[in-house]
Amino acid sequence: MGSKCCKSEPDNDALEKERQKKLLLAKQRQRAREKAAGEIQAWWRGTLVRRTLLAAALRAWMIQDWWRTVLWRQVYKRRQISLKIYVIQEQAVVKLQSWVRMWQCHQRYCQVCNAVCILQAPKSCFTFQTSDVSQAQYEGTFNQPEFHIEILSI
């Protein structure tokens, strides 16, 4: 019986050490779980932040694309207006040039007709009445009508 008494005390120490070991192991496991949970939470927060930043970047890109389109349309409209103004000016210039050339041709034609009438009018035929001003115009040398023909090669 006495031997049982002596053996119980070391068993208590061993049990106590065993309990402390288990508590230490449980604390270590708890710390490891907390650390793992912290890492998972950090990863999840990072994922949320990256997702938010990606959404913000996509929205910013869409706004920038819209603004570039607006600017391009404005530039395109300005170019179209400038082109229309240029075409109108060119057409006006061409029309003015054609009117001036037509007037010059008409003047030259009238000069030639008047010169022919003056040269061909015999005294017995119908004569054109000429004023002193027109007679003064035809005094001196008469220039032959000039005709220029340009051949453009394509």
N, C-alpha and C. Protein backbone atom coordinates (compact mmCIF):
# COMPACT_ATOMS: atom_id res chain seq x y z
N MET A 1 0.79 -1.17 0.00
CA MET A 1 0.00 0.00 0.00
C MET A 1 0.84 1.25 0.00
N GLY A 2 1.84 1.23 0.68
CA GLY A 2 2.73 2.36 0.75
C GLY A 2 3.36 2.66 -0.58
N SER A 3 3.52 1.68 -1.36
CA SER A 3 4.14 1.91 -2.66
C SER A 3 3.20 2.65 -3.59
N LYS A 4 1.94 2.48 -3.34
CA LYS A 4 0.98 3.20 -4.18
C LYS A 4 1.04 4.70 -3.87
N CYS A 5 1.22 5.04 -2.65
CA CYS A 5 1.29 6.42 -2.22
C CYS A 5 2.47 7.13 -2.85
N CYS A 6 3.55 6.52 -2.86
CA CYS A 6 4.77 7.13 -3.39
C CYS A 6 4.65 7.29 -4.89
N LYS A 7 3.99 6.41 -5.53
CA LYS A 7 3.88 6.47 -7.00
C LYS A 7 2.91 7.55 -7.45
N SER A 8 1.93 7.95 -6.64
CA SER A 8 0.92 8.91 -7.05
C SER A 8 1.51 10.31 -7.21
N GLU A 9 2.47 10.68 -6.40
CA GLU A 9 3.05 12.02 -6.50
C GLU A 9 3.78 12.23 -7.83
N PRO A 10 4.61 11.35 -8.29
CA PRO A 10 5.24 11.59 -9.59
C PRO A 10 4.22 11.58 -10.71
N ASP A 11 3.17 10.83 -10.57
CA ASP A 11 2.14 10.80 -11.61
C ASP A 11 1.48 12.18 -11.70
N ASN A 12 1.27 12.85 -10.58
CA ASN A 12 0.68 14.18 -10.59
C ASN A 12 1.62 15.16 -11.30
N ASP A 13 2.89 15.03 -11.03
CA ASP A 13 3.85 15.92 -11.71
C ASP A 13 3.85 15.64 -13.21
N ALA A 14 3.80 14.38 -13.56
CA ALA A 14 3.79 14.02 -14.98
C ALA A 14 2.51 14.50 -15.64
N LEU A 15 1.41 14.35 -14.91
CA LEU A 15 0.13 14.82 -15.44
C LEU A 15 0.14 16.35 -15.59
N GLU A 16 0.72 17.01 -14.63
CA GLU A 16 0.81 18.47 -14.67
C GLU A 16 1.66 18.91 -15.86
N LYS A 17 2.77 18.24 -16.04
CA LYS A 17 3.64 18.56 -17.16
C LYS A 17 2.92 18.27 -18.49
N GLU A 18 2.20 17.18 -18.48
CA GLU A 18 1.46 16.80 -19.69
C GLU A 18 0.39 17.86 -19.99
N ARG A 19 -0.29 18.34 -18.98
CA ARG A 19 -1.32 19.38 -19.14
C ARG A 19 -0.68 20.68 -19.64
N GLN A 20 0.45 21.03 -19.08
CA GLN A 20 1.13 22.25 -19.51
C GLN A 20 1.59 22.12 -20.96
N LYS A 21 2.04 20.92 -21.30
CA LYS A 21 2.45 20.69 -22.68
C LYS A 21 1.26 20.85 -23.62
N LYS A 22 0.11 20.28 -23.22
CA LYS A 22 -1.09 20.37 -24.04
C LYS A 22 -1.56 21.82 -24.14
N LEU A 23 -1.49 22.55 -23.02
CA LEU A 23 -1.88 23.95 -23.05
C LEU A 23 -0.96 24.77 -23.96
N LEU A 24 0.31 24.50 -23.88
CA LEU A 24 1.29 25.19 -24.74
C LEU A 24 1.04 24.87 -26.21
N LEU A 25 0.78 23.58 -26.47
CA LEU A 25 0.48 23.18 -27.85
C LEU A 25 -0.82 23.83 -28.32
N ALA A 26 -1.83 23.90 -27.48
CA ALA A 26 -3.10 24.52 -27.84
C ALA A 26 -2.90 26.01 -28.11
N LYS A 27 -2.07 26.66 -27.27
CA LYS A 27 -1.78 28.09 -27.49
C LYS A 27 -1.05 28.30 -28.81
N GLN A 28 -0.10 27.41 -29.10
CA GLN A 28 0.64 27.52 -30.35
C GLN A 28 -0.30 27.32 -31.54
N ARG A 29 -1.18 26.31 -31.42
CA ARG A 29 -2.15 26.09 -32.50
C ARG A 29 -3.07 27.30 -32.66
N GLN A 30 -3.50 27.87 -31.53
CA GLN A 30 -4.38 29.04 -31.56
C GLN A 30 -3.66 30.22 -32.23
N ARG A 31 -2.39 30.42 -31.88
CA ARG A 31 -1.60 31.49 -32.51
C ARG A 31 -1.45 31.23 -34.01
N ALA A 32 -1.20 29.98 -34.38
CA ALA A 32 -1.06 29.63 -35.79
C ALA A 32 -2.36 29.88 -36.53
N ARG A 33 -3.50 29.51 -35.90
CA ARG A 33 -4.80 29.75 -36.53
C ARG A 33 -5.07 31.24 -36.66
N GLU A 34 -4.74 32.01 -35.63
CA GLU A 34 -4.94 33.46 -35.68
C GLU A 34 -4.07 34.09 -36.77
N LYS A 35 -2.84 33.59 -36.86
CA LYS A 35 -1.93 34.09 -37.89
C LYS A 35 -2.48 33.75 -39.27
N ALA A 36 -2.94 32.50 -39.46
CA ALA A 36 -3.52 32.08 -40.74
C ALA A 36 -4.77 32.89 -41.05
N ALA A 37 -5.62 33.11 -40.03
CA ALA A 37 -6.83 33.91 -40.23
C ALA A 37 -6.46 35.34 -40.62
N GLY A 38 -5.43 35.89 -39.99
CA GLY A 38 -4.96 37.24 -40.33
C GLY A 38 -4.46 37.31 -41.77
N GLU A 39 -3.74 36.28 -42.19
CA GLU A 39 -3.24 36.25 -43.57
C GLU A 39 -4.41 36.15 -44.56
N ILE A 40 -5.41 35.30 -44.22
CA ILE A 40 -6.58 35.18 -45.10
C ILE A 40 -7.33 36.50 -45.17
N GLN A 41 -7.50 37.17 -44.03
CA GLN A 41 -8.18 38.47 -44.01
C GLN A 41 -7.41 39.51 -44.80
N ALA A 42 -6.08 39.50 -44.68
CA ALA A 42 -5.26 40.45 -45.44
C ALA A 42 -5.39 40.18 -46.93
N TRP A 43 -5.36 38.90 -47.30
CA TRP A 43 -5.53 38.54 -48.72
C TRP A 43 -6.88 39.01 -49.22
N TRP A 44 -7.95 38.79 -48.44
CA TRP A 44 -9.29 39.17 -48.84
C TRP A 44 -9.43 40.69 -48.96
N ARG A 45 -8.86 41.43 -47.99
CA ARG A 45 -8.89 42.90 -48.07
C ARG A 45 -8.14 43.37 -49.31
N GLY A 46 -7.00 42.75 -49.60
CA GLY A 46 -6.24 43.10 -50.80
C GLY A 46 -7.04 42.84 -52.06
N THR A 47 -7.75 41.69 -52.08
CA THR A 47 -8.58 41.36 -53.24
C THR A 47 -9.68 42.41 -53.41
N LEU A 48 -10.32 42.80 -52.31
CA LEU A 48 -11.37 43.82 -52.40
C LEU A 48 -10.81 45.15 -52.88
N VAL A 49 -9.65 45.53 -52.38
CA VAL A 49 -9.03 46.79 -52.79
C VAL A 49 -8.67 46.74 -54.27
N ARG A 50 -8.07 45.63 -54.70
CA ARG A 50 -7.71 45.50 -56.12
C ARG A 50 -8.95 45.53 -57.01
N ARG A 51 -10.01 44.88 -56.56
CA ARG A 51 -11.26 44.86 -57.32
C ARG A 51 -11.83 46.28 -57.41
N THR A 52 -11.80 47.01 -56.31
CA THR A 52 -12.29 48.39 -56.29
C THR A 52 -11.43 49.28 -57.20
N LEU A 53 -10.11 49.10 -57.10
CA LEU A 53 -9.22 49.90 -57.96
C LEU A 53 -9.43 49.56 -59.43
N LEU A 54 -9.65 48.30 -59.74
CA LEU A 54 -9.90 47.91 -61.13
C LEU A 54 -11.19 48.54 -61.63
N ALA A 55 -12.23 48.50 -60.81
CA ALA A 55 -13.50 49.12 -61.21
C ALA A 55 -13.31 50.62 -61.42
N ALA A 56 -12.58 51.27 -60.52
CA ALA A 56 -12.33 52.72 -60.66
C ALA A 56 -11.52 53.00 -61.92
N ALA A 57 -10.52 52.16 -62.18
CA ALA A 57 -9.70 52.36 -63.38
C ALA A 57 -10.53 52.17 -64.65
N LEU A 58 -11.41 51.18 -64.65
CA LEU A 58 -12.28 50.96 -65.82
C LEU A 58 -13.23 52.13 -66.02
N ARG A 59 -13.77 52.66 -64.94
CA ARG A 59 -14.65 53.82 -65.06
C ARG A 59 -13.89 55.04 -65.57
N ALA A 60 -12.68 55.23 -65.06
CA ALA A 60 -11.84 56.36 -65.53
C ALA A 60 -11.52 56.19 -67.01
N TRP A 61 -11.23 54.95 -67.42
CA TRP A 61 -10.93 54.69 -68.84
C TRP A 61 -12.14 54.99 -69.70
N MET A 62 -13.34 54.61 -69.23
CA MET A 62 -14.56 54.88 -69.99
C MET A 62 -14.80 56.38 -70.13
N ILE A 63 -14.56 57.13 -69.05
CA ILE A 63 -14.73 58.58 -69.10
C ILE A 63 -13.72 59.20 -70.05
N GLN A 64 -12.48 58.74 -69.98
CA GLN A 64 -11.44 59.26 -70.89
C GLN A 64 -11.79 58.95 -72.33
N ASP A 65 -12.28 57.76 -72.60
CA ASP A 65 -12.66 57.38 -73.96
C ASP A 65 -13.81 58.25 -74.45
N TRP A 66 -14.80 58.49 -73.60
CA TRP A 66 -15.91 59.36 -73.96
C TRP A 66 -15.41 60.77 -74.26
N TRP A 67 -14.51 61.29 -73.42
CA TRP A 67 -14.00 62.65 -73.63
C TRP A 67 -13.21 62.74 -74.93
N ARG A 68 -12.39 61.71 -75.22
CA ARG A 68 -11.65 61.71 -76.49
C ARG A 68 -12.62 61.72 -77.67
N THR A 69 -13.71 60.98 -77.55
CA THR A 69 -14.71 60.95 -78.62
C THR A 69 -15.34 62.33 -78.79
N VAL A 70 -15.66 62.98 -77.69
CA VAL A 70 -16.24 64.33 -77.75
C VAL A 70 -15.26 65.27 -78.44
N LEU A 71 -14.00 65.25 -78.05
CA LEU A 71 -12.99 66.13 -78.66
C LEU A 71 -12.83 65.81 -80.14
N TRP A 72 -12.81 64.51 -80.49
CA TRP A 72 -12.65 64.12 -81.89
C TRP A 72 -13.83 64.64 -82.72
N ARG A 73 -15.04 64.54 -82.16
CA ARG A 73 -16.22 65.05 -82.90
C ARG A 73 -16.12 66.56 -83.11
N GLN A 74 -15.64 67.29 -82.09
CA GLN A 74 -15.49 68.74 -82.24
C GLN A 74 -14.47 69.06 -83.32
N VAL A 75 -13.35 68.36 -83.31
CA VAL A 75 -12.32 68.59 -84.33
C VAL A 75 -12.87 68.24 -85.71
N TYR A 76 -13.61 67.14 -85.80
CA TYR A 76 -14.19 66.72 -87.08
C TYR A 76 -15.17 67.77 -87.60
N LYS A 77 -16.02 68.31 -86.70
CA LYS A 77 -16.97 69.34 -87.11
C LYS A 77 -16.23 70.59 -87.58
N ARG A 78 -15.17 70.98 -86.84
CA ARG A 78 -14.38 72.16 -87.26
C ARG A 78 -13.76 71.93 -88.63
N ARG A 79 -13.25 70.73 -88.86
CA ARG A 79 -12.66 70.42 -90.17
C ARG A 79 -13.71 70.48 -91.26
N GLN A 80 -14.89 69.93 -90.99
CA GLN A 80 -15.96 69.96 -91.98
C GLN A 80 -16.38 71.39 -92.29
N ILE A 81 -16.51 72.22 -91.26
CA ILE A 81 -16.88 73.61 -91.47
C ILE A 81 -15.80 74.34 -92.27
N SER A 82 -14.53 74.10 -91.91
CA SER A 82 -13.43 74.73 -92.65
C SER A 82 -13.43 74.27 -94.10
N LEU A 83 -13.69 73.00 -94.33
CA LEU A 83 -13.72 72.48 -95.70
C LEU A 83 -14.87 73.10 -96.47
N LYS A 84 -16.04 73.24 -95.85
CA LYS A 84 -17.17 73.86 -96.53
C LYS A 84 -16.87 75.31 -96.88
N ILE A 85 -16.26 76.03 -95.93
CA ILE A 85 -15.90 77.43 -96.19
C ILE A 85 -14.90 77.51 -97.34
N TYR A 86 -13.92 76.61 -97.33
CA TYR A 86 -12.92 76.59 -98.41
C TYR A 86 -13.58 76.32 -99.75
N VAL A 87 -14.49 75.35 -99.79
CA VAL A 87 -15.16 75.01 -101.05
C VAL A 87 -15.99 76.19 -101.54
N ILE A 88 -16.72 76.84 -100.63
CA ILE A 88 -17.53 78.00 -101.01
C ILE A 88 -16.65 79.12 -101.56
N GLN A 89 -15.53 79.36 -100.89
CA GLN A 89 -14.61 80.41 -101.35
C GLN A 89 -14.03 80.06 -102.72
N GLU A 90 -13.65 78.81 -102.89
CA GLU A 90 -13.09 78.40 -104.19
C GLU A 90 -14.12 78.51 -105.29
N GLN A 91 -15.37 78.12 -105.01
CA GLN A 91 -16.41 78.23 -106.01
C GLN A 91 -16.68 79.70 -106.35
N ALA A 92 -16.64 80.56 -105.33
CA ALA A 92 -16.85 81.99 -105.57
C ALA A 92 -15.72 82.56 -106.42
N VAL A 93 -14.50 82.16 -106.13
CA VAL A 93 -13.35 82.64 -106.91
C VAL A 93 -13.47 82.18 -108.36
N VAL A 94 -13.81 80.91 -108.55
CA VAL A 94 -13.94 80.38 -109.91
C VAL A 94 -15.05 81.11 -110.65
N LYS A 95 -16.17 81.36 -109.97
CA LYS A 95 -17.29 82.06 -110.61
C LYS A 95 -16.88 83.47 -110.98
N LEU A 96 -16.20 84.19 -110.07
CA LEU A 96 -15.73 85.54 -110.38
C LEU A 96 -14.76 85.53 -111.56
N GLN A 97 -13.84 84.59 -111.54
CA GLN A 97 -12.89 84.50 -112.65
C GLN A 97 -13.62 84.24 -113.97
N SER A 98 -14.60 83.36 -113.93
CA SER A 98 -15.32 83.06 -115.17
C SER A 98 -16.11 84.29 -115.65
N TRP A 99 -16.71 85.05 -114.70
CA TRP A 99 -17.42 86.27 -115.10
C TRP A 99 -16.47 87.30 -115.70
N VAL A 100 -15.29 87.46 -115.09
CA VAL A 100 -14.31 88.42 -115.62
C VAL A 100 -13.83 87.97 -117.00
N ARG A 101 -13.57 86.69 -117.15
CA ARG A 101 -13.13 86.19 -118.47
C ARG A 101 -14.25 86.35 -119.50
N MET A 102 -15.49 86.06 -119.06
CA MET A 102 -16.61 86.23 -119.98
C MET A 102 -16.74 87.71 -120.38
N TRP A 103 -16.62 88.61 -119.43
CA TRP A 103 -16.70 90.03 -119.72
C TRP A 103 -15.59 90.46 -120.67
N GLN A 104 -14.35 89.95 -120.42
CA GLN A 104 -13.23 90.27 -121.29
C GLN A 104 -13.47 89.74 -122.70
N CYS A 105 -13.97 88.52 -122.79
CA CYS A 105 -14.27 87.95 -124.11
C CYS A 105 -15.36 88.75 -124.81
N HIS A 106 -16.36 89.12 -124.04
CA HIS A 106 -17.45 89.91 -124.62
C HIS A 106 -16.92 91.27 -125.11
N GLN A 107 -16.07 91.91 -124.32
CA GLN A 107 -15.48 93.18 -124.74
C GLN A 107 -14.65 93.00 -126.01
N ARG A 108 -13.88 91.95 -126.04
CA ARG A 108 -13.04 91.69 -127.21
C ARG A 108 -13.90 91.39 -128.43
N TYR A 109 -14.97 90.61 -128.19
CA TYR A 109 -15.90 90.28 -129.29
C TYR A 109 -16.56 91.55 -129.83
N CYS A 110 -16.97 92.41 -128.92
CA CYS A 110 -17.58 93.68 -129.35
C CYS A 110 -16.59 94.53 -130.12
N GLN A 111 -15.33 94.55 -129.71
CA GLN A 111 -14.30 95.30 -130.42
C GLN A 111 -14.12 94.74 -131.82
N VAL A 112 -14.07 93.43 -131.91
CA VAL A 112 -13.88 92.79 -133.22
C VAL A 112 -15.07 93.07 -134.11
N CYS A 113 -16.29 92.92 -133.56
CA CYS A 113 -17.49 93.18 -134.36
C CYS A 113 -17.54 94.62 -134.83
N ASN A 114 -17.24 95.54 -133.96
CA ASN A 114 -17.24 96.95 -134.34
C ASN A 114 -16.17 97.23 -135.39
N ALA A 115 -15.01 96.62 -135.25
CA ALA A 115 -13.94 96.82 -136.23
C ALA A 115 -14.34 96.24 -137.57
N VAL A 116 -14.98 95.09 -137.59
CA VAL A 116 -15.41 94.47 -138.84
C VAL A 116 -16.50 95.31 -139.49
N CYS A 117 -17.41 95.81 -138.67
CA CYS A 117 -18.49 96.64 -139.22
C CYS A 117 -17.93 97.93 -139.80
N ILE A 118 -16.97 98.50 -139.16
CA ILE A 118 -16.36 99.74 -139.66
C ILE A 118 -15.61 99.46 -140.95
N LEU A 119 -14.88 98.33 -141.01
CA LEU A 119 -14.10 98.02 -142.20
C LEU A 119 -14.97 97.61 -143.38
N GLN A 120 -16.11 96.92 -143.12
CA GLN A 120 -16.92 96.39 -144.19
C GLN A 120 -18.03 97.35 -144.63
N ALA A 121 -18.26 98.37 -143.96
CA ALA A 121 -19.42 99.21 -144.26
C ALA A 121 -19.16 100.10 -145.48
N PRO A 122 -19.72 99.76 -146.62
CA PRO A 122 -19.61 100.67 -147.77
C PRO A 122 -20.61 101.83 -147.59
N LYS A 123 -20.41 102.88 -148.37
CA LYS A 123 -21.24 104.04 -148.19
C LYS A 123 -22.66 103.79 -148.64
N SER A 124 -22.85 102.87 -149.56
CA SER A 124 -24.20 102.64 -150.07
C SER A 124 -25.01 101.71 -149.16
N CYS A 125 -24.36 100.91 -148.34
CA CYS A 125 -25.06 99.97 -147.44
C CYS A 125 -25.43 100.66 -146.13
N PHE A 126 -26.12 99.92 -145.35
CA PHE A 126 -26.49 100.42 -144.03
C PHE A 126 -25.23 100.67 -143.23
N THR A 127 -25.12 101.85 -142.69
CA THR A 127 -23.93 102.18 -141.92
C THR A 127 -24.31 102.30 -140.46
N PHE A 128 -23.38 101.90 -139.65
CA PHE A 128 -23.58 102.05 -138.21
C PHE A 128 -23.22 103.45 -137.81
N GLN A 129 -24.02 104.00 -136.96
CA GLN A 129 -23.69 105.32 -136.46
C GLN A 129 -22.62 105.15 -135.39
N THR A 130 -21.60 105.89 -135.53
CA THR A 130 -20.53 105.80 -134.55
C THR A 130 -20.38 107.16 -133.90
N SER A 131 -20.10 107.10 -132.67
CA SER A 131 -19.90 108.35 -131.94
C SER A 131 -18.42 108.68 -131.95
N ASP A 132 -18.12 109.88 -131.52
CA ASP A 132 -16.73 110.30 -131.47
C ASP A 132 -15.92 109.43 -130.51
N VAL A 133 -16.59 108.96 -129.46
CA VAL A 133 -15.89 108.14 -128.47
C VAL A 133 -15.47 106.82 -129.09
N SER A 134 -16.40 106.18 -129.83
CA SER A 134 -16.06 104.89 -130.43
C SER A 134 -15.03 105.07 -131.54
N GLN A 135 -15.09 106.19 -132.26
CA GLN A 135 -14.09 106.42 -133.29
C GLN A 135 -12.73 106.61 -132.66
N ALA A 136 -12.69 107.23 -131.50
CA ALA A 136 -11.43 107.45 -130.83
C ALA A 136 -10.86 106.12 -130.34
N GLN A 137 -11.73 105.20 -130.03
CA GLN A 137 -11.24 103.91 -129.56
C GLN A 137 -10.56 103.13 -130.67
N TYR A 138 -11.03 103.25 -131.87
CA TYR A 138 -10.52 102.43 -132.95
C TYR A 138 -9.43 103.11 -133.74
N GLU A 139 -9.06 104.30 -133.34
CA GLU A 139 -7.92 104.92 -133.98
C GLU A 139 -6.66 104.21 -133.52
N GLY A 140 -5.71 104.14 -134.29
CA GLY A 140 -4.47 103.45 -133.92
C GLY A 140 -4.52 102.01 -134.41
N THR A 141 -3.61 101.23 -133.93
CA THR A 141 -3.50 99.86 -134.43
C THR A 141 -4.51 98.98 -133.71
N PHE A 142 -5.07 98.04 -134.43
CA PHE A 142 -6.04 97.11 -133.88
C PHE A 142 -5.32 95.80 -133.54
N ASN A 143 -5.54 95.34 -132.33
CA ASN A 143 -4.92 94.07 -131.90
C ASN A 143 -5.79 92.91 -132.36
N GLN A 144 -5.15 91.93 -132.89
CA GLN A 144 -5.87 90.73 -133.30
C GLN A 144 -6.38 89.99 -132.06
N PRO A 145 -7.56 89.36 -132.14
CA PRO A 145 -8.03 88.57 -130.99
C PRO A 145 -7.07 87.41 -130.75
N GLU A 146 -6.80 87.18 -129.53
CA GLU A 146 -5.86 86.12 -129.19
C GLU A 146 -6.62 84.91 -128.67
N PHE A 147 -6.29 83.78 -129.20
CA PHE A 147 -6.89 82.53 -128.74
C PHE A 147 -5.78 81.62 -128.25
N HIS A 148 -5.94 81.13 -127.06
CA HIS A 148 -4.94 80.22 -126.49
C HIS A 148 -5.59 78.85 -126.28
N ILE A 149 -4.94 77.85 -126.77
CA ILE A 149 -5.43 76.49 -126.57
C ILE A 149 -4.38 75.73 -125.79
N GLU A 150 -4.82 75.15 -124.70
CA GLU A 150 -3.92 74.34 -123.89
C GLU A 150 -4.33 72.89 -124.01
N ILE A 151 -3.36 72.05 -124.27
CA ILE A 151 -3.63 70.62 -124.35
C ILE A 151 -3.02 70.00 -123.08
N LEU A 152 -3.89 69.45 -122.30
CA LEU A 152 -3.43 68.84 -121.05
C LEU A 152 -3.29 67.35 -121.26
N SER A 153 -2.15 66.85 -120.88
CA SER A 153 -1.97 65.40 -120.99
C SER A 153 -2.29 64.77 -119.62
N ILE A 154 -2.95 63.69 -119.69
CA ILE A 154 -3.38 63.04 -118.46
C ILE A 154 -2.43 61.92 -118.10
